[in-house]
Amino acid sequence: MGKRRRVAERRRTSPAVVGGMIAAVVVGAGVGVYALYGGGAAADDQPRAASADGGRKEVPTGPLSAAEVRTTAQRFLTAWQRGKPAEAAAATSDSTAAGTLLTGYAKDAHLTGVTLTPGTAEGARVPFSVRATVSYKGVRKPLAYDSALTVVRRAADGAPVVDWHSSVVHPDLKDGDTLVTGGSGDPPVKALDRHGGELTAAKYPSLGTVLDGLREKYGRTAGGKAGVELRVVRGAASRKAKLSDKTLVELSKGTPGTVETTLSPTLQAAAEKKVADRDRASVVVLRPSTGEILAVANSNHGFNTAFQGSLAPGSTMKVITSSLLIDKGLASADKQHPCPKTFTYGGWKFHNDDDFEIKDGTFKASFARSCNTAFISQAGKLDNDDLTRQAQQVFGLSMDNWAVGVPSFDGSVPVQSQAQMAASLIGQGGVRMNPLNMASVAATVKSGTFHQPYLVAPSVDHRKLATASRGLSPGTAAQLRDLMRYTAAYGTAAQAMSGLGPDYGAKTGSAEVDGQKKPNGWFTAYRGDLAAAGVVQAGGHGGDTAGPIVASLLKLGGG
């Protein structure tokens, strides 16, 4: 390995401030900017590739130094601030994508006077603040937000570069999205609750994404006129994920049209308050007899996990699996049913929580205590597609045809085999749900028939709601209600549901997620003509985390 090449020291003056940022003034450079060399670090700080065997350079590896992180961030931010998108893009891991978005920052978003101020680096991550002005046809408005970048080594040569993602430019951007200032496209809408009160993100913070979705779907038909604004325009990947365009700055107001929703102001306000007390919590409340959505709330406001999340539902899935086993005569609420400590299927050994067992117990006891092996033990008696067909035909799930009124995900129960099929029976494997889906499951048990949830009445735009091909048989429905009622009274949901009976039922769930110390906690329940479901990601067991949120909303009743 050759010796490191030494570089003659360069004389520097004291730091100067350029556009709100610290810049080292290099003697002879002509302007006061960051000292930039090679891959983005100052020459006397930047590790150089060793030269040996005829000049072949060794690619630097290992952790980045603080100097590499600092000078790479400086190179990128300085070029961006000075309006040199190509130069800034060259300091990233994807110069093509970065160049396009950074060029559009000025050209399409009409952002001027950009000032970028870096904060204190946290390892390879560098937070920074952005101050700019949106200027369009003589109208100017300020824009301010915080973002962050991460420095990584480029695989080809080990040089430190900014790990490129669109969110570096603005945290609301997903890869492929753009920023555009101009006519808003979709006119604004004034959303109303079920009693005629206006719904705003200021009053109900969780509704920001919902209001964006309402505008996208109904803006052109609700009677409004478009204004001028800076907005996030979603790309193909974001649209596939059912994300709506998002307004960042309104330069001139449009005239809103009116859209009536089914939301209850009382329940919505209560849901907002409850999820705000937990990190990564989401909840949905609906009316089983009609499917009307009465409340939707998320503690994280940037993505509507309650409607669009795709998470393993854990043991709340046992409601659907129980309906399947009862239909097939493989289980009955009051009949004896196995619940061993463990059960092996498809090469996987499945465990109960703390390897408990229930000797000579009933299926009701296994359901109430959430015995995994009571369900896994029946996998060999099922066809691979049985659970998928049950979810589709009875609960209206996993057909990608819900028409809620805003973007939503209607669950996924794929056909699987062997161990993965068995895992699906207890809400793991490939099964994915969100609180809207699981609230609908509880509602279907309560009513006996699937009613597709909706936020805007289908009469508004004459859309067709999804249906299930068959309802629960009277016998299966009665047993499911018995199972859920017993769980609410004496099982894992008893503490959360205390005092809410007798017309009630519940099921808890905990879903293990790779890389998380604690599981996602789930809870689905009904009381009277209300059904609700919630999840607290990485929160722990559902009865302790999501349970109190759901139960408190069911206790309010009405709507």
Protein backbone atom coordinates (compact mmCIF):
# COMPACT_ATOMS: atom_id res chain seq x y z
CA MET A 1 0.00 0.00 0.00
CA GLY A 2 1.50 3.34 -1.05
CA LYS A 3 2.01 6.29 1.26
CA ARG A 4 -0.64 8.99 1.56
CA ARG A 5 0.12 11.89 -0.73
CA ARG A 6 0.64 15.06 1.25
CA VAL A 7 -0.93 18.27 0.05
CA ALA A 8 0.61 21.65 0.71
CA GLU A 9 -1.34 23.66 3.24
CA ARG A 10 -3.37 26.53 1.93
CA ARG A 11 -3.54 29.79 3.79
CA ARG A 12 -7.04 30.68 4.98
CA THR A 13 -8.59 33.82 6.39
CA SER A 14 -11.25 33.89 9.09
CA PRO A 15 -14.66 32.43 8.16
CA ALA A 16 -17.14 34.70 6.41
CA VAL A 17 -20.92 34.46 6.19
CA VAL A 18 -22.40 33.85 2.76
CA GLY A 19 -26.19 33.82 2.42
CA GLY A 20 -26.65 32.88 6.07
CA MET A 21 -24.06 30.06 6.00
CA ILE A 22 -20.47 29.82 7.24
CA ALA A 23 -18.00 29.68 4.36
CA ALA A 24 -14.23 29.41 4.38
CA VAL A 25 -12.72 32.11 2.15
CA VAL A 26 -9.94 30.54 0.11
CA VAL A 27 -7.15 32.94 -0.81
CA GLY A 28 -7.01 33.30 -4.56
CA ALA A 29 -10.40 31.73 -5.18
CA GLY A 30 -12.02 35.09 -5.94
CA VAL A 31 -15.24 34.55 -3.98
CA GLY A 32 -16.12 33.54 -0.43
CA VAL A 33 -17.49 29.99 -0.71
CA TYR A 34 -16.83 26.62 0.83
CA ALA A 35 -13.42 25.18 0.02
CA LEU A 36 -14.35 22.27 -2.25
CA TYR A 37 -11.96 19.71 -3.63
CA GLY A 38 -12.22 16.36 -5.36
CA GLY A 39 -14.99 14.23 -3.89
CA GLY A 40 -16.25 17.00 -1.65
CA ALA A 41 -13.78 17.35 1.23
CA ALA A 42 -10.99 19.83 1.74
CA ALA A 43 -7.72 18.44 0.47
CA ASP A 44 -6.00 18.39 3.83
CA ASP A 45 -8.99 16.60 5.47
CA GLN A 46 -10.01 14.21 2.70
CA PRO A 47 -8.53 10.67 2.79
CA ARG A 48 -6.88 9.88 -0.55
CA ALA A 49 -6.92 6.53 -2.26
CA ALA A 50 -3.54 4.86 -1.96
CA SER A 51 -1.62 4.28 -5.17
CA ALA A 52 0.25 1.05 -5.82
CA ASP A 53 0.91 -1.51 -8.57
CA GLY A 54 1.28 0.92 -11.40
CA GLY A 55 -0.96 3.65 -10.01
CA ARG A 56 -4.12 1.60 -9.34
CA LYS A 57 -6.08 3.33 -6.56
CA GLU A 58 -7.55 1.54 -3.59
CA VAL A 59 -11.22 2.37 -2.95
CA PRO A 60 -11.67 3.95 0.50
CA THR A 61 -13.93 1.97 2.82
CA GLY A 62 -15.01 2.13 6.42
CA PRO A 63 -16.91 4.74 8.39
CA LEU A 64 -16.96 8.31 7.18
CA SER A 65 -14.94 10.84 9.11
CA ALA A 66 -16.56 13.94 10.54
CA ALA A 67 -14.55 16.00 8.03
CA GLU A 68 -15.92 13.97 5.10
CA VAL A 69 -19.49 14.40 6.30
CA ARG A 70 -19.05 18.12 6.92
CA THR A 71 -17.35 19.02 3.65
CA THR A 72 -19.62 16.84 1.49
CA ALA A 73 -22.68 18.51 3.01
CA GLN A 74 -21.05 21.91 2.52
CA ARG A 75 -20.31 21.21 -1.13
CA PHE A 76 -23.89 20.14 -1.84
CA LEU A 77 -25.65 22.88 0.13
CA THR A 78 -23.44 25.67 -1.18
CA ALA A 79 -24.00 24.71 -4.82
CA TRP A 80 -27.75 24.38 -4.27
CA GLN A 81 -27.94 27.76 -2.52
CA ARG A 82 -25.93 29.45 -5.29
CA GLY A 83 -28.36 28.16 -7.94
CA LYS A 84 -25.95 25.63 -9.47
CA PRO A 85 -28.05 22.44 -9.66
CA ALA A 86 -25.58 20.48 -11.79
CA GLU A 87 -22.78 21.15 -9.32
CA ALA A 88 -24.97 20.21 -6.37
CA ALA A 89 -26.19 17.08 -8.15
CA ALA A 90 -22.59 15.98 -8.77
CA ALA A 91 -22.16 15.74 -5.01
CA THR A 92 -24.95 13.13 -4.74
CA SER A 93 -25.32 9.41 -5.35
CA ASP A 94 -27.74 10.02 -8.27
CA SER A 95 -26.71 13.09 -10.22
CA THR A 96 -29.43 12.62 -12.87
CA ALA A 97 -32.41 12.52 -10.49
CA ALA A 98 -30.89 15.18 -8.25
CA GLY A 99 -30.15 17.49 -11.17
CA THR A 100 -33.71 17.24 -12.48
CA LEU A 101 -35.33 18.02 -9.13
CA LEU A 102 -32.91 20.78 -8.17
CA THR A 103 -33.31 22.43 -11.59
CA GLY A 104 -37.08 22.31 -11.15
CA TYR A 105 -36.73 23.89 -7.71
CA ALA A 106 -36.12 27.24 -9.41
CA LYS A 107 -37.68 26.67 -12.82
CA ASP A 108 -40.94 24.90 -11.94
CA ALA A 109 -41.43 25.73 -8.26
CA HIS A 110 -40.32 29.36 -8.80
CA LEU A 111 -38.32 29.41 -5.57
CA THR A 112 -35.82 32.24 -5.20
CA GLY A 113 -33.60 33.71 -2.48
CA VAL A 114 -32.75 30.26 -1.15
CA THR A 115 -30.85 30.21 2.14
CA LEU A 116 -29.69 26.88 3.56
CA THR A 117 -28.39 26.70 7.11
CA PRO A 118 -26.84 23.44 8.30
CA GLY A 119 -27.28 22.20 11.83
CA THR A 120 -25.11 19.93 13.93
CA ALA A 121 -24.29 16.65 12.23
CA GLU A 122 -25.50 13.45 13.90
CA GLY A 123 -23.04 10.91 12.56
CA ALA A 124 -23.51 10.88 8.79
CA ARG A 125 -26.84 12.75 8.98
CA VAL A 126 -26.81 16.53 8.60
CA PRO A 127 -30.03 18.47 9.36
CA PHE A 128 -30.52 21.83 7.69
CA SER A 129 -33.12 24.58 7.50
CA VAL A 130 -34.45 26.09 4.29
CA ARG A 131 -35.67 29.64 3.77
CA ALA A 132 -36.87 30.74 0.34
CA THR A 133 -39.44 32.88 -1.47
CA VAL A 134 -42.10 31.61 -3.84
CA SER A 135 -42.35 34.18 -6.68
CA TYR A 136 -45.01 33.78 -9.36
CA LYS A 137 -46.48 36.45 -11.64
CA GLY A 138 -45.76 39.28 -9.22
CA VAL A 139 -46.97 37.44 -6.12
CA ARG A 140 -44.38 36.55 -3.48
CA LYS A 141 -44.72 34.46 -0.32
CA PRO A 142 -42.13 33.06 2.09
CA LEU A 143 -41.41 29.36 2.49
CA ALA A 144 -39.58 27.85 5.47
CA TYR A 145 -39.03 24.22 6.44
CA ASP A 146 -36.47 21.78 7.84
CA SER A 147 -34.86 18.87 6.04
CA ALA A 148 -31.83 16.61 6.34
CA LEU A 149 -29.29 14.76 4.22
CA THR A 150 -27.15 11.70 4.82
CA VAL A 151 -23.62 11.23 3.52
CA VAL A 152 -22.55 7.79 2.25
CA ARG A 153 -19.63 6.33 0.37
CA ARG A 154 -20.10 5.96 -3.38
CA ALA A 155 -19.69 2.29 -4.25
CA ALA A 156 -17.58 2.90 -7.35
CA ASP A 157 -14.76 4.88 -5.78
CA GLY A 158 -15.50 5.25 -2.07
CA ALA A 159 -15.94 9.02 -2.37
CA PRO A 160 -18.34 10.60 0.14
CA VAL A 161 -21.58 11.79 -1.50
CA VAL A 162 -25.07 12.81 -0.42
CA ASP A 163 -27.35 9.76 -0.43
CA TRP A 164 -29.93 11.01 -2.90
CA HIS A 165 -33.64 10.92 -2.24
CA SER A 166 -36.19 13.56 -3.18
CA SER A 167 -36.95 14.09 0.52
CA VAL A 168 -33.58 15.87 0.81
CA VAL A 169 -35.11 18.78 -1.12
CA HIS A 170 -38.36 18.73 0.87
CA PRO A 171 -39.51 16.18 3.49
CA ASP A 172 -42.94 15.81 1.84
CA LEU A 173 -41.39 14.62 -1.43
CA LYS A 174 -41.17 10.94 -2.30
CA ASP A 175 -38.82 9.77 -5.02
CA GLY A 176 -40.30 10.74 -8.38
CA ASP A 177 -42.39 13.62 -7.00
CA THR A 178 -41.87 17.22 -8.10
CA LEU A 179 -42.51 20.75 -6.80
CA VAL A 180 -44.64 23.00 -8.99
CA THR A 181 -46.00 26.54 -8.58
CA GLY A 182 -48.93 27.56 -10.74
CA GLY A 183 -52.64 27.07 -11.15
CA SER A 184 -53.66 24.56 -8.51
CA GLY A 185 -55.23 22.15 -10.99
CA ASP A 186 -57.87 20.79 -8.63
CA PRO A 187 -59.94 23.60 -7.08
CA PRO A 188 -60.02 23.66 -3.28
CA VAL A 189 -62.85 22.06 -1.36
CA LYS A 190 -64.55 22.94 1.89
CA ALA A 191 -65.10 19.63 3.69
CA LEU A 192 -67.98 19.42 6.14
CA ASP A 193 -68.64 16.97 8.97
CA ARG A 194 -71.91 15.08 9.24
CA HIS A 195 -73.50 18.04 11.08
CA GLY A 196 -72.34 20.73 8.64
CA GLY A 197 -69.29 22.02 10.51
CA GLU A 198 -66.12 22.77 8.53
CA LEU A 199 -63.26 20.28 8.76
CA THR A 200 -59.79 21.82 8.69
CA ALA A 201 -56.29 20.49 9.32
CA ALA A 202 -55.78 23.27 11.85
CA LYS A 203 -58.63 21.94 13.98
CA TYR A 204 -58.13 18.25 13.17
CA PRO A 205 -54.42 17.69 12.35
CA SER A 206 -54.91 14.10 11.23
CA LEU A 207 -57.18 15.18 8.39
CA GLY A 208 -54.48 16.88 6.30
CA THR A 209 -54.00 13.87 4.02
CA VAL A 210 -57.74 13.18 4.01
CA LEU A 211 -58.52 16.73 2.90
CA ASP A 212 -55.87 16.42 0.17
CA GLY A 213 -57.60 13.26 -1.03
CA LEU A 214 -61.04 14.88 -0.99
CA ARG A 215 -59.74 17.77 -3.04
CA GLU A 216 -58.15 15.47 -5.59
CA LYS A 217 -61.31 13.41 -6.05
CA TYR A 218 -64.01 16.08 -5.75
CA GLY A 219 -62.26 19.40 -6.47
CA ARG A 220 -63.29 19.53 -10.13
CA THR A 221 -66.91 18.55 -9.48
CA ALA A 222 -67.72 20.34 -6.21
CA GLY A 223 -68.24 23.77 -7.82
CA GLY A 224 -65.02 25.56 -6.83
CA LYS A 225 -62.42 27.53 -8.79
CA ALA A 226 -58.67 26.92 -8.69
CA GLY A 227 -56.16 29.30 -7.09
CA VAL A 228 -52.38 29.56 -7.43
CA GLU A 229 -50.09 27.59 -5.12
CA LEU A 230 -46.83 25.75 -4.59
CA ARG A 231 -47.62 22.08 -4.31
CA VAL A 232 -46.12 18.62 -4.32
CA VAL A 233 -47.12 16.86 -7.54
CA ARG A 234 -46.98 13.12 -7.08
CA GLY A 235 -45.02 10.89 -9.43
CA ALA A 236 -45.93 7.42 -10.68
CA ALA A 237 -44.68 5.55 -7.60
CA SER A 238 -46.54 7.84 -5.21
CA ARG A 239 -49.74 7.57 -7.21
CA LYS A 240 -49.45 3.81 -7.20
CA ALA A 241 -49.22 4.08 -3.41
CA LYS A 242 -52.37 6.27 -3.57
CA LEU A 243 -50.73 9.43 -2.27
CA SER A 244 -52.43 12.71 -3.15
CA ASP A 245 -50.85 16.00 -4.27
CA LYS A 246 -50.12 18.31 -1.34
CA THR A 247 -50.35 22.11 -1.10
CA LEU A 248 -47.32 23.76 0.55
CA VAL A 249 -47.96 27.48 -0.03
CA GLU A 250 -51.13 29.19 -1.26
CA LEU A 251 -50.29 32.32 -3.26
CA SER A 252 -53.84 33.22 -4.22
CA LYS A 253 -56.98 31.67 -2.90
CA GLY A 254 -59.31 29.73 -5.09
CA THR A 255 -63.04 29.45 -4.48
CA PRO A 256 -63.77 26.19 -2.67
CA GLY A 257 -66.56 23.80 -3.49
CA THR A 258 -68.35 21.93 -0.74
CA VAL A 259 -68.02 18.22 0.09
CA GLU A 260 -70.06 16.62 2.85
CA THR A 261 -68.47 13.75 4.80
CA THR A 262 -69.67 11.21 7.33
CA LEU A 263 -67.23 12.27 10.07
CA SER A 264 -68.51 12.96 13.56
CA PRO A 265 -66.99 16.12 15.06
CA THR A 266 -67.23 14.67 18.57
CA LEU A 267 -65.55 11.38 17.74
CA GLN A 268 -62.99 13.01 15.44
CA ALA A 269 -61.90 15.45 18.15
CA ALA A 270 -61.64 12.62 20.68
CA ALA A 271 -59.68 10.43 18.26
CA GLU A 272 -57.21 13.23 17.57
CA LYS A 273 -56.61 13.67 21.28
CA LYS A 274 -56.16 9.96 21.96
CA VAL A 275 -53.60 9.26 19.22
CA ALA A 276 -51.65 12.38 20.14
CA ASP A 277 -50.74 10.68 23.42
CA ARG A 278 -48.91 7.85 21.62
CA ASP A 279 -46.18 7.65 19.00
CA ARG A 280 -47.19 6.03 15.69
CA ALA A 281 -50.81 5.43 16.68
CA SER A 282 -53.75 5.21 14.27
CA VAL A 283 -57.47 4.59 14.79
CA VAL A 284 -60.72 4.39 12.80
CA VAL A 285 -64.33 4.42 14.04
CA LEU A 286 -67.26 3.45 11.83
CA ARG A 287 -70.93 2.48 11.97
CA PRO A 288 -71.48 -1.28 11.38
CA SER A 289 -75.04 -0.93 10.11
CA THR A 290 -74.06 1.40 7.23
CA GLY A 291 -70.26 1.53 6.83
CA GLU A 292 -70.12 5.29 7.53
CA ILE A 293 -66.69 6.35 8.79
CA LEU A 294 -67.10 8.50 11.89
CA ALA A 295 -63.46 9.22 12.80
CA VAL A 296 -59.94 8.68 11.47
CA ALA A 297 -56.79 9.80 13.26
CA ASN A 298 -53.03 9.28 13.12
CA SER A 299 -50.39 10.59 15.51
CA ASN A 300 -48.04 10.98 12.52
CA HIS A 301 -49.71 13.37 10.09
CA GLY A 302 -47.60 12.89 6.95
CA PHE A 303 -49.17 9.56 5.94
CA ASN A 304 -52.66 8.21 6.53
CA THR A 305 -51.72 4.88 8.11
CA ALA A 306 -55.30 4.42 9.30
CA PHE A 307 -56.56 4.16 5.70
CA GLN A 308 -53.46 3.38 3.66
CA GLY A 309 -51.19 1.46 6.00
CA SER A 310 -50.09 -2.05 5.09
CA LEU A 311 -49.16 -3.86 8.30
CA ALA A 312 -49.37 -7.42 9.61
CA PRO A 313 -52.48 -7.40 11.84
CA GLY A 314 -51.33 -10.09 14.25
CA SER A 315 -53.96 -11.93 16.24
CA THR A 316 -56.82 -9.62 15.23
CA MET A 317 -56.74 -11.72 12.03
CA LYS A 318 -57.98 -14.63 14.13
CA VAL A 319 -61.49 -13.18 13.82
CA ILE A 320 -61.46 -14.00 10.09
CA THR A 321 -59.66 -17.32 10.66
CA SER A 322 -62.19 -18.30 13.32
CA SER A 323 -65.05 -17.68 10.91
CA LEU A 324 -63.31 -20.00 8.44
CA LEU A 325 -62.73 -22.77 10.99
CA ILE A 326 -66.31 -22.56 12.24
CA ASP A 327 -67.69 -22.64 8.67
CA LYS A 328 -65.64 -25.76 7.95
CA GLY A 329 -66.57 -27.50 11.19
CA LEU A 330 -62.98 -27.40 12.44
CA ALA A 331 -63.83 -25.38 15.54
CA SER A 332 -66.83 -24.50 17.67
CA ALA A 333 -66.92 -21.94 20.46
CA ASP A 334 -67.84 -24.27 23.31
CA LYS A 335 -66.22 -27.47 22.09
CA GLN A 336 -62.84 -28.77 23.20
CA HIS A 337 -59.97 -27.53 21.03
CA PRO A 338 -56.19 -28.11 21.21
CA CYS A 339 -53.86 -25.37 22.49
CA PRO A 340 -50.41 -26.94 22.95
CA LYS A 341 -47.31 -24.91 23.90
CA THR A 342 -45.91 -25.22 20.39
CA PHE A 343 -46.91 -26.64 17.03
CA THR A 344 -44.70 -27.32 14.01
CA TYR A 345 -46.04 -26.88 10.49
CA GLY A 346 -44.21 -26.47 7.20
CA GLY A 347 -40.86 -26.65 8.92
CA TRP A 348 -41.61 -23.77 11.31
CA LYS A 349 -42.14 -24.19 15.04
CA PHE A 350 -44.89 -21.84 16.20
CA HIS A 351 -45.10 -20.72 19.84
CA ASN A 352 -47.68 -19.20 22.12
CA ASP A 353 -46.79 -16.13 24.15
CA ASP A 354 -44.46 -17.44 26.88
CA ASP A 355 -45.22 -20.96 25.59
CA PHE A 356 -48.46 -21.20 27.55
CA GLU A 357 -50.86 -24.08 26.93
CA ILE A 358 -54.53 -24.72 27.69
CA LYS A 359 -55.25 -28.33 28.57
CA ASP A 360 -58.70 -29.66 27.74
CA GLY A 361 -59.89 -26.13 26.97
CA THR A 362 -62.54 -24.89 24.56
CA PHE A 363 -62.01 -22.95 21.35
CA LYS A 364 -63.55 -19.95 23.14
CA ALA A 365 -60.83 -20.13 25.79
CA SER A 366 -58.14 -20.31 23.09
CA PHE A 367 -59.59 -17.33 21.23
CA ALA A 368 -59.92 -15.24 24.39
CA ARG A 369 -56.34 -15.92 25.43
CA SER A 370 -55.08 -15.61 21.84
CA CYS A 371 -53.62 -19.09 21.55
CA ASN A 372 -51.59 -19.27 18.32
CA THR A 373 -51.30 -23.04 18.21
CA ALA A 374 -55.09 -23.47 18.35
CA PHE A 375 -55.10 -22.02 14.82
CA ILE A 376 -51.79 -23.33 13.48
CA SER A 377 -52.84 -26.87 14.42
CA GLN A 378 -55.67 -26.66 11.85
CA ALA A 379 -53.47 -25.55 8.91
CA GLY A 380 -53.08 -29.07 7.55
CA LYS A 381 -56.85 -29.37 7.16
CA LEU A 382 -57.13 -26.23 5.00
CA ASP A 383 -56.50 -25.53 1.34
CA ASN A 384 -53.93 -22.85 0.53
CA ASP A 385 -56.58 -20.44 -0.76
CA ASP A 386 -59.21 -20.97 1.95
CA LEU A 387 -58.26 -17.95 4.04
CA THR A 388 -58.00 -15.69 0.98
CA ARG A 389 -61.46 -16.69 -0.24
CA GLN A 390 -62.95 -16.22 3.25
CA ALA A 391 -61.49 -12.72 3.52
CA GLN A 392 -62.79 -11.77 0.07
CA GLN A 393 -66.18 -13.49 0.01
CA VAL A 394 -67.33 -12.75 3.57
CA PHE A 395 -65.35 -9.70 4.74
CA GLY A 396 -64.96 -7.85 1.41
CA LEU A 397 -61.18 -7.60 1.79
CA SER A 398 -58.20 -8.07 -0.52
CA MET A 399 -59.95 -7.28 -3.83
CA ASP A 400 -58.63 -3.72 -4.36
CA ASN A 401 -62.10 -2.34 -5.06
CA TRP A 402 -63.10 -0.20 -2.08
CA ALA A 403 -64.40 3.25 -3.01
CA VAL A 404 -64.12 5.14 0.28
CA GLY A 405 -64.01 8.64 -1.24
CA VAL A 406 -60.28 9.13 -0.58
CA PRO A 407 -57.29 6.86 -1.22
CA SER A 408 -57.34 3.68 0.84
CA PHE A 409 -55.91 0.16 0.97
CA ASP A 410 -58.44 -2.62 1.40
CA GLY A 411 -56.10 -5.26 2.82
CA SER A 412 -54.16 -8.13 1.33
CA VAL A 413 -54.58 -11.82 2.10
CA PRO A 414 -52.45 -13.56 -0.55
CA VAL A 415 -52.62 -17.28 -1.28
CA GLN A 416 -49.65 -18.90 0.47
CA SER A 417 -48.46 -22.40 1.28
CA GLN A 418 -46.72 -24.36 3.99
CA ALA A 419 -45.43 -22.31 6.93
CA GLN A 420 -46.42 -18.97 5.38
CA MET A 421 -50.01 -20.14 5.00
CA ALA A 422 -50.03 -21.22 8.64
CA ALA A 423 -48.57 -17.87 9.71
CA SER A 424 -51.32 -16.08 7.81
CA LEU A 425 -53.91 -17.74 10.05
CA ILE A 426 -52.56 -15.70 12.99
CA GLY A 427 -52.07 -12.45 11.04
CA GLN A 428 -48.42 -12.84 10.11
CA GLY A 429 -46.94 -14.19 6.87
CA GLY A 430 -48.02 -12.09 3.91
CA VAL A 431 -51.27 -10.74 5.42
CA ARG A 432 -51.43 -6.94 5.51
CA MET A 433 -54.13 -4.69 6.99
CA ASN A 434 -54.76 -1.25 8.47
CA PRO A 435 -57.18 0.07 11.12
CA LEU A 436 -59.87 0.79 8.51
CA ASN A 437 -59.79 -2.85 7.39
CA MET A 438 -59.87 -4.25 10.91
CA ALA A 439 -62.65 -1.89 12.03
CA SER A 440 -64.60 -3.22 9.07
CA VAL A 441 -63.94 -6.80 10.24
CA ALA A 442 -65.42 -6.04 13.67
CA ALA A 443 -68.34 -4.27 11.97
CA THR A 444 -69.02 -7.30 9.76
CA VAL A 445 -69.15 -9.55 12.84
CA LYS A 446 -71.55 -7.15 14.54
CA SER A 447 -73.90 -6.69 11.57
CA GLY A 448 -73.47 -10.14 10.01
CA THR A 449 -72.93 -8.56 6.58
CA PHE A 450 -70.06 -6.60 5.05
CA HIS A 451 -70.82 -2.91 4.47
CA GLN A 452 -67.96 -1.20 2.67
CA PRO A 453 -66.70 1.73 4.76
CA TYR A 454 -67.11 5.16 3.19
CA LEU A 455 -66.22 8.76 4.03
CA VAL A 456 -68.36 10.41 1.35
CA ALA A 457 -71.79 9.02 0.57
CA PRO A 458 -71.91 7.20 -2.79
CA SER A 459 -74.89 9.33 -3.77
CA VAL A 460 -72.56 12.35 -4.10
CA ASP A 461 -70.77 10.97 -7.17
CA HIS A 462 -72.83 7.85 -7.97
CA ARG A 463 -69.87 5.52 -7.39
CA LYS A 464 -70.42 1.85 -6.67
CA LEU A 465 -69.39 0.50 -3.29
CA ALA A 466 -67.68 -2.87 -2.94
CA THR A 467 -69.74 -5.84 -1.81
CA ALA A 468 -69.03 -9.31 -0.45
CA SER A 469 -70.47 -12.31 -2.25
CA ARG A 470 -71.94 -13.80 0.92
CA GLY A 471 -72.62 -12.83 4.50
CA LEU A 472 -71.81 -14.71 7.66
CA SER A 473 -74.15 -17.61 8.28
CA PRO A 474 -76.38 -16.99 11.33
CA GLY A 475 -74.62 -19.76 13.25
CA THR A 476 -71.11 -18.54 12.48
CA ALA A 477 -72.06 -14.92 13.23
CA ALA A 478 -73.52 -15.93 16.61
CA GLN A 479 -70.38 -17.88 17.54
CA LEU A 480 -68.05 -15.04 16.47
CA ARG A 481 -69.98 -12.58 18.62
CA ASP A 482 -69.80 -15.03 21.50
CA LEU A 483 -66.02 -15.35 21.05
CA MET A 484 -65.46 -11.59 20.88
CA ARG A 485 -67.85 -10.89 23.78
CA TYR A 486 -66.07 -13.45 25.96
CA THR A 487 -62.69 -11.92 25.04
CA ALA A 488 -63.98 -8.45 25.96
CA ALA A 489 -65.32 -9.72 29.29
CA TYR A 490 -62.70 -12.24 30.39
CA GLY A 491 -59.87 -12.43 27.86
CA THR A 492 -56.96 -10.30 26.67
CA ALA A 493 -59.31 -7.35 25.93
CA ALA A 494 -61.03 -7.33 29.33
CA GLN A 495 -59.04 -4.53 30.93
CA ALA A 496 -59.53 -2.10 28.05
CA MET A 497 -63.23 -2.96 27.57
CA SER A 498 -64.17 -2.94 31.25
CA GLY A 499 -67.61 -1.43 31.86
CA LEU A 500 -68.63 -1.28 28.17
CA GLY A 501 -70.81 -4.42 28.00
CA PRO A 502 -72.96 -6.27 27.47
CA ASP A 503 -73.45 -5.54 23.74
CA TYR A 504 -69.78 -5.58 22.89
CA GLY A 505 -66.91 -7.69 21.57
CA ALA A 506 -63.18 -7.33 21.01
CA LYS A 507 -59.97 -9.00 19.85
CA THR A 508 -56.38 -8.03 20.64
CA GLY A 509 -53.32 -8.55 18.49
CA SER A 510 -49.56 -8.19 18.56
CA ALA A 511 -47.56 -8.42 15.34
CA GLU A 512 -43.82 -9.03 15.43
CA VAL A 513 -41.81 -6.85 13.03
CA ASP A 514 -38.17 -7.47 12.12
CA GLY A 515 -35.89 -4.86 13.67
CA GLN A 516 -38.42 -3.72 16.28
CA LYS A 517 -37.88 -4.39 19.97
CA LYS A 518 -41.62 -4.29 20.62
CA PRO A 519 -44.43 -5.62 18.44
CA ASN A 520 -47.14 -3.55 16.79
CA GLY A 521 -50.13 -3.54 19.12
CA TRP A 522 -53.60 -4.04 17.53
CA PHE A 523 -57.14 -3.88 18.87
CA THR A 524 -60.47 -4.28 17.09
CA ALA A 525 -63.85 -4.08 18.80
CA TYR A 526 -67.51 -3.13 18.56
CA ARG A 527 -70.06 -1.75 20.97
CA GLY A 528 -73.67 -1.16 19.98
CA ASP A 529 -73.66 0.38 16.50
CA LEU A 530 -70.01 1.47 16.65
CA ALA A 531 -66.96 -0.49 15.55
CA ALA A 532 -63.36 0.63 15.82
CA ALA A 533 -59.82 -0.59 15.35
CA GLY A 534 -56.43 0.84 16.13
CA VAL A 535 -52.73 0.09 15.96
CA VAL A 536 -49.75 1.45 17.90
CA GLN A 537 -46.61 0.60 15.98
CA ALA A 538 -43.71 -0.69 18.08
CA GLY A 539 -45.86 -0.09 21.15
CA GLY A 540 -46.23 -3.56 22.64
CA HIS A 541 -49.27 -5.76 23.25
CA GLY A 542 -52.51 -4.51 21.74
CA GLY A 543 -54.58 -4.74 24.91
CA ASP A 544 -52.24 -2.29 26.61
CA THR A 545 -51.58 0.11 23.73
CA ALA A 546 -54.29 0.32 21.06
CA GLY A 547 -56.96 -1.07 23.38
CA PRO A 548 -57.43 2.02 25.56
CA ILE A 549 -57.63 4.25 22.47
CA VAL A 550 -60.34 2.14 20.83
CA ALA A 551 -62.31 1.55 24.01
CA SER A 552 -62.39 5.25 24.92
CA LEU A 553 -63.96 6.08 21.55
CA LEU A 554 -66.52 3.28 21.78
CA LYS A 555 -67.46 4.58 25.21
CA LEU A 556 -68.46 7.94 23.71
CA GLY A 557 -71.06 6.27 21.50
CA GLY A 558 -73.33 8.31 19.24
CA GLY A 559 -71.69 10.19 16.42
